Amino acid sequence: CSTDGRQVIIGCSSATVSTLTEAGSVYVLDRNVQKFIRQDDSSNTYTVLGTVSAPVSVLVNNVFLTNQTDGIVNADNTFSVSGNNITINKDLFVGDVIEIETNQFSLLQTVSQNTVADFSNFGQAVDICANNCSLYVGEPQSSQQVFKGGVVERFVNQSRVYGTITATVANPVLD
């Protein structure tokens, strides 16, 4: 998973891809995180979209709070969950950044080999770099270079490595 736990990478080395047996694939799942910026002092309750599944994590200005169900009731730096409402028991100020992780995951991307081949077992091993910018995927049975010699493929998160890509061309195609 990524360093912040908000993305999970799952390798399925025995998956059939485009009718090719045990070619393998990798699934990138993204955790639902909703961010609020404190606008006024009217309420410490925030309503999140979607279904809330335990465990829920709440951060205020990048500091984790403690859920009251952990046995600490009405103490500073805690929060409680009631349906889709998260109530924070902490002094909040205008401009505070509140992040609520609802523990819902959705498929972000399915990654396949550059050259899909039978029995290469793409996804046998997966890793992500410390900056969450590159995904490394092992294919122990790949014959791309040497018969059954195996390879590791690197996939780069372009926006994290190079920043936002812009163009003056209307409706550009990015290869």
Protein backbone atom coordinates (compact mmCIF):
# COMPACT_ATOMS: atom_id res chain seq x y z
CA CYS A 1 0.00 0.00 0.00
CA SER A 2 1.03 3.61 -0.36
CA THR A 3 2.80 5.30 2.55
CA ASP A 4 -0.42 7.00 3.68
CA GLY A 5 -2.51 3.81 3.29
CA ARG A 6 -4.81 5.47 0.78
CA GLN A 7 -3.96 3.22 -2.15
CA VAL A 8 -3.69 -0.55 -2.18
CA ILE A 9 -1.96 -2.49 -4.95
CA ILE A 10 -3.04 -6.12 -5.48
CA GLY A 11 -1.19 -8.47 -7.83
CA CYS A 12 -3.12 -11.34 -9.43
CA SER A 13 -0.42 -13.34 -11.17
CA SER A 14 -2.73 -16.17 -12.27
CA ALA A 15 -5.30 -13.92 -13.95
CA THR A 16 -6.25 -14.54 -17.57
CA VAL A 17 -5.77 -11.40 -19.65
CA SER A 18 -7.13 -11.17 -23.21
CA THR A 19 -7.52 -15.00 -23.27
CA LEU A 20 -3.85 -15.44 -22.29
CA THR A 21 -3.59 -17.92 -19.38
CA GLU A 22 -1.73 -16.79 -16.25
CA ALA A 23 -0.62 -13.57 -17.93
CA GLY A 24 -1.46 -11.74 -14.69
CA SER A 25 -2.69 -8.27 -13.85
CA VAL A 26 -2.46 -5.73 -11.04
CA TYR A 27 -5.33 -3.80 -9.46
CA VAL A 28 -4.88 -0.35 -7.92
CA LEU A 29 -7.57 0.50 -5.36
CA ASP A 30 -8.10 3.95 -3.91
CA ARG A 31 -9.41 4.66 -0.40
CA ASN A 32 -12.20 7.24 -0.12
CA VAL A 33 -10.89 10.32 1.67
CA GLN A 34 -13.06 13.42 1.98
CA LYS A 35 -11.48 16.73 2.83
CA PHE A 36 -13.17 19.68 4.51
CA ILE A 37 -11.71 23.12 5.14
CA ARG A 38 -13.21 24.82 8.18
CA GLN A 39 -15.15 27.88 6.98
CA ASP A 40 -16.79 29.10 10.21
CA ASP A 41 -17.41 28.16 13.84
CA SER A 42 -21.00 26.95 13.41
CA SER A 43 -20.57 23.19 13.93
CA ASN A 44 -18.03 20.47 14.61
CA THR A 45 -20.13 17.87 12.76
CA TYR A 46 -19.27 16.94 9.18
CA THR A 47 -21.47 14.83 6.89
CA VAL A 48 -19.59 12.58 4.48
CA LEU A 49 -20.90 11.30 1.17
CA GLY A 50 -21.43 7.58 0.69
CA THR A 51 -21.55 4.79 3.23
CA VAL A 52 -19.25 4.93 6.22
CA SER A 53 -17.54 1.64 7.10
CA ALA A 54 -15.51 1.10 10.25
CA PRO A 55 -12.77 1.73 11.01
CA VAL A 56 -12.95 5.45 10.22
CA SER A 57 -9.89 7.69 10.48
CA VAL A 58 -10.10 11.43 11.09
CA LEU A 59 -7.20 13.82 10.73
CA VAL A 60 -7.16 17.51 11.62
CA ASN A 61 -4.20 19.37 10.11
CA ASN A 62 -2.47 15.99 9.49
CA VAL A 63 -2.89 14.81 13.11
CA PHE A 64 -4.92 11.64 13.73
CA LEU A 65 -7.78 11.86 16.22
CA THR A 66 -8.97 9.03 18.48
CA ASN A 67 -12.39 7.42 17.96
CA GLN A 68 -14.55 7.62 21.10
CA THR A 69 -15.49 3.94 20.65
CA ASP A 70 -11.88 3.19 21.65
CA GLY A 71 -12.93 3.97 25.25
CA ILE A 72 -11.99 7.65 25.51
CA VAL A 73 -15.27 9.54 25.79
CA ASN A 74 -15.53 13.35 25.82
CA ALA A 75 -11.77 13.81 25.81
CA ASP A 76 -10.10 16.43 23.65
CA ASN A 77 -8.77 15.16 20.31
CA THR A 78 -11.52 12.56 19.78
CA PHE A 79 -14.38 12.07 17.33
CA SER A 80 -17.57 10.03 17.12
CA VAL A 81 -19.43 8.48 14.20
CA SER A 82 -23.22 8.41 13.84
CA GLY A 83 -24.31 7.21 10.41
CA ASN A 84 -22.69 9.58 7.91
CA ASN A 85 -22.03 12.27 10.52
CA ILE A 86 -18.61 12.68 12.08
CA THR A 87 -18.50 14.88 15.18
CA ILE A 88 -15.12 16.18 16.29
CA ASN A 89 -14.55 16.85 20.01
CA LYS A 90 -11.73 19.31 19.62
CA ASP A 91 -11.43 23.06 19.27
CA LEU A 92 -11.43 23.78 15.55
CA PHE A 93 -10.45 27.03 13.90
CA VAL A 94 -11.27 28.65 10.56
CA GLY A 95 -8.83 27.26 7.99
CA ASP A 96 -8.31 23.89 9.73
CA VAL A 97 -8.13 20.98 7.29
CA ILE A 98 -10.28 17.98 8.26
CA GLU A 99 -9.75 14.70 6.38
CA ILE A 100 -12.14 11.80 6.91
CA GLU A 101 -11.22 8.33 5.63
CA THR A 102 -14.43 6.33 5.25
CA ASN A 103 -12.70 3.00 4.61
CA GLN A 104 -14.42 2.55 1.25
CA PHE A 105 -12.22 1.38 -1.62
CA SER A 106 -12.85 1.70 -5.34
CA LEU A 107 -10.96 0.37 -8.33
CA LEU A 108 -8.76 3.14 -9.70
CA GLN A 109 -6.91 1.25 -12.42
CA THR A 110 -6.14 -2.22 -13.77
CA VAL A 111 -2.52 -2.50 -14.86
CA SER A 112 -1.31 -5.05 -17.42
CA GLN A 113 2.09 -5.93 -18.82
CA ASN A 114 3.58 -3.88 -21.64
CA THR A 115 3.72 -7.07 -23.70
CA VAL A 116 1.01 -9.46 -22.50
CA ALA A 117 2.09 -13.11 -22.70
CA ASP A 118 0.89 -16.52 -21.47
CA PHE A 119 2.31 -17.80 -18.17
CA SER A 120 4.46 -14.77 -17.38
CA ASN A 121 2.73 -14.32 -13.98
CA PHE A 122 2.70 -10.50 -14.05
CA GLY A 123 1.87 -9.30 -10.53
CA GLN A 124 3.65 -12.10 -8.66
CA ALA A 125 5.36 -9.34 -6.65
CA VAL A 126 4.33 -5.69 -6.35
CA ASP A 127 5.91 -2.70 -4.65
CA ILE A 128 5.48 1.06 -4.63
CA CYS A 129 8.30 3.56 -4.12
CA ALA A 130 8.62 5.58 -0.91
CA ASN A 131 7.23 8.69 -2.63
CA ASN A 132 4.21 6.81 -4.04
CA CYS A 133 5.24 7.82 -7.56
CA SER A 134 6.25 4.51 -9.12
CA LEU A 135 4.74 1.04 -9.14
CA TYR A 136 7.07 -1.94 -9.59
CA VAL A 137 5.61 -5.24 -10.77
CA GLY A 138 7.45 -8.56 -11.01
CA GLU A 139 6.89 -11.11 -13.79
CA PRO A 140 9.03 -14.10 -12.79
CA GLN A 141 8.15 -16.19 -15.85
CA SER A 142 8.43 -13.44 -18.48
CA SER A 143 10.37 -14.21 -21.65
CA GLN A 144 10.68 -10.60 -22.82
CA GLN A 145 14.48 -10.67 -22.56
CA VAL A 146 15.50 -14.28 -21.91
CA PHE A 147 13.28 -17.38 -22.05
CA LYS A 148 11.56 -17.53 -18.63
CA GLY A 149 14.21 -15.13 -17.26
CA GLY A 150 11.68 -12.81 -15.64
CA VAL A 151 11.51 -9.02 -15.55
CA VAL A 152 10.35 -6.17 -13.35
CA GLU A 153 8.25 -3.45 -14.96
CA ARG A 154 8.04 0.11 -13.63
CA PHE A 155 4.92 2.24 -14.02
CA VAL A 156 5.22 5.97 -13.27
CA ASN A 157 2.51 8.20 -11.83
CA GLN A 158 3.11 11.04 -14.28
CA SER A 159 1.39 13.77 -12.28
CA ARG A 160 3.41 13.00 -9.14
CA VAL A 161 6.74 12.78 -10.97
CA TYR A 162 6.36 15.54 -13.56
CA GLY A 163 3.55 17.70 -12.20
CA THR A 164 0.46 18.73 -14.08
CA ILE A 165 0.73 18.27 -17.83
CA THR A 166 -0.79 21.13 -19.82
CA ALA A 167 -1.10 21.97 -23.49
CA THR A 168 -2.33 24.82 -25.65
CA VAL A 169 -3.87 22.31 -28.07
CA ALA A 170 -7.63 21.82 -27.64
CA ASN A 171 -8.51 18.19 -26.76
CA PRO A 172 -4.92 16.91 -26.88
CA VAL A 173 -4.11 13.20 -26.92
CA LEU A 174 -1.43 12.12 -24.45
CA ASP A 175 0.61 9.05 -25.42
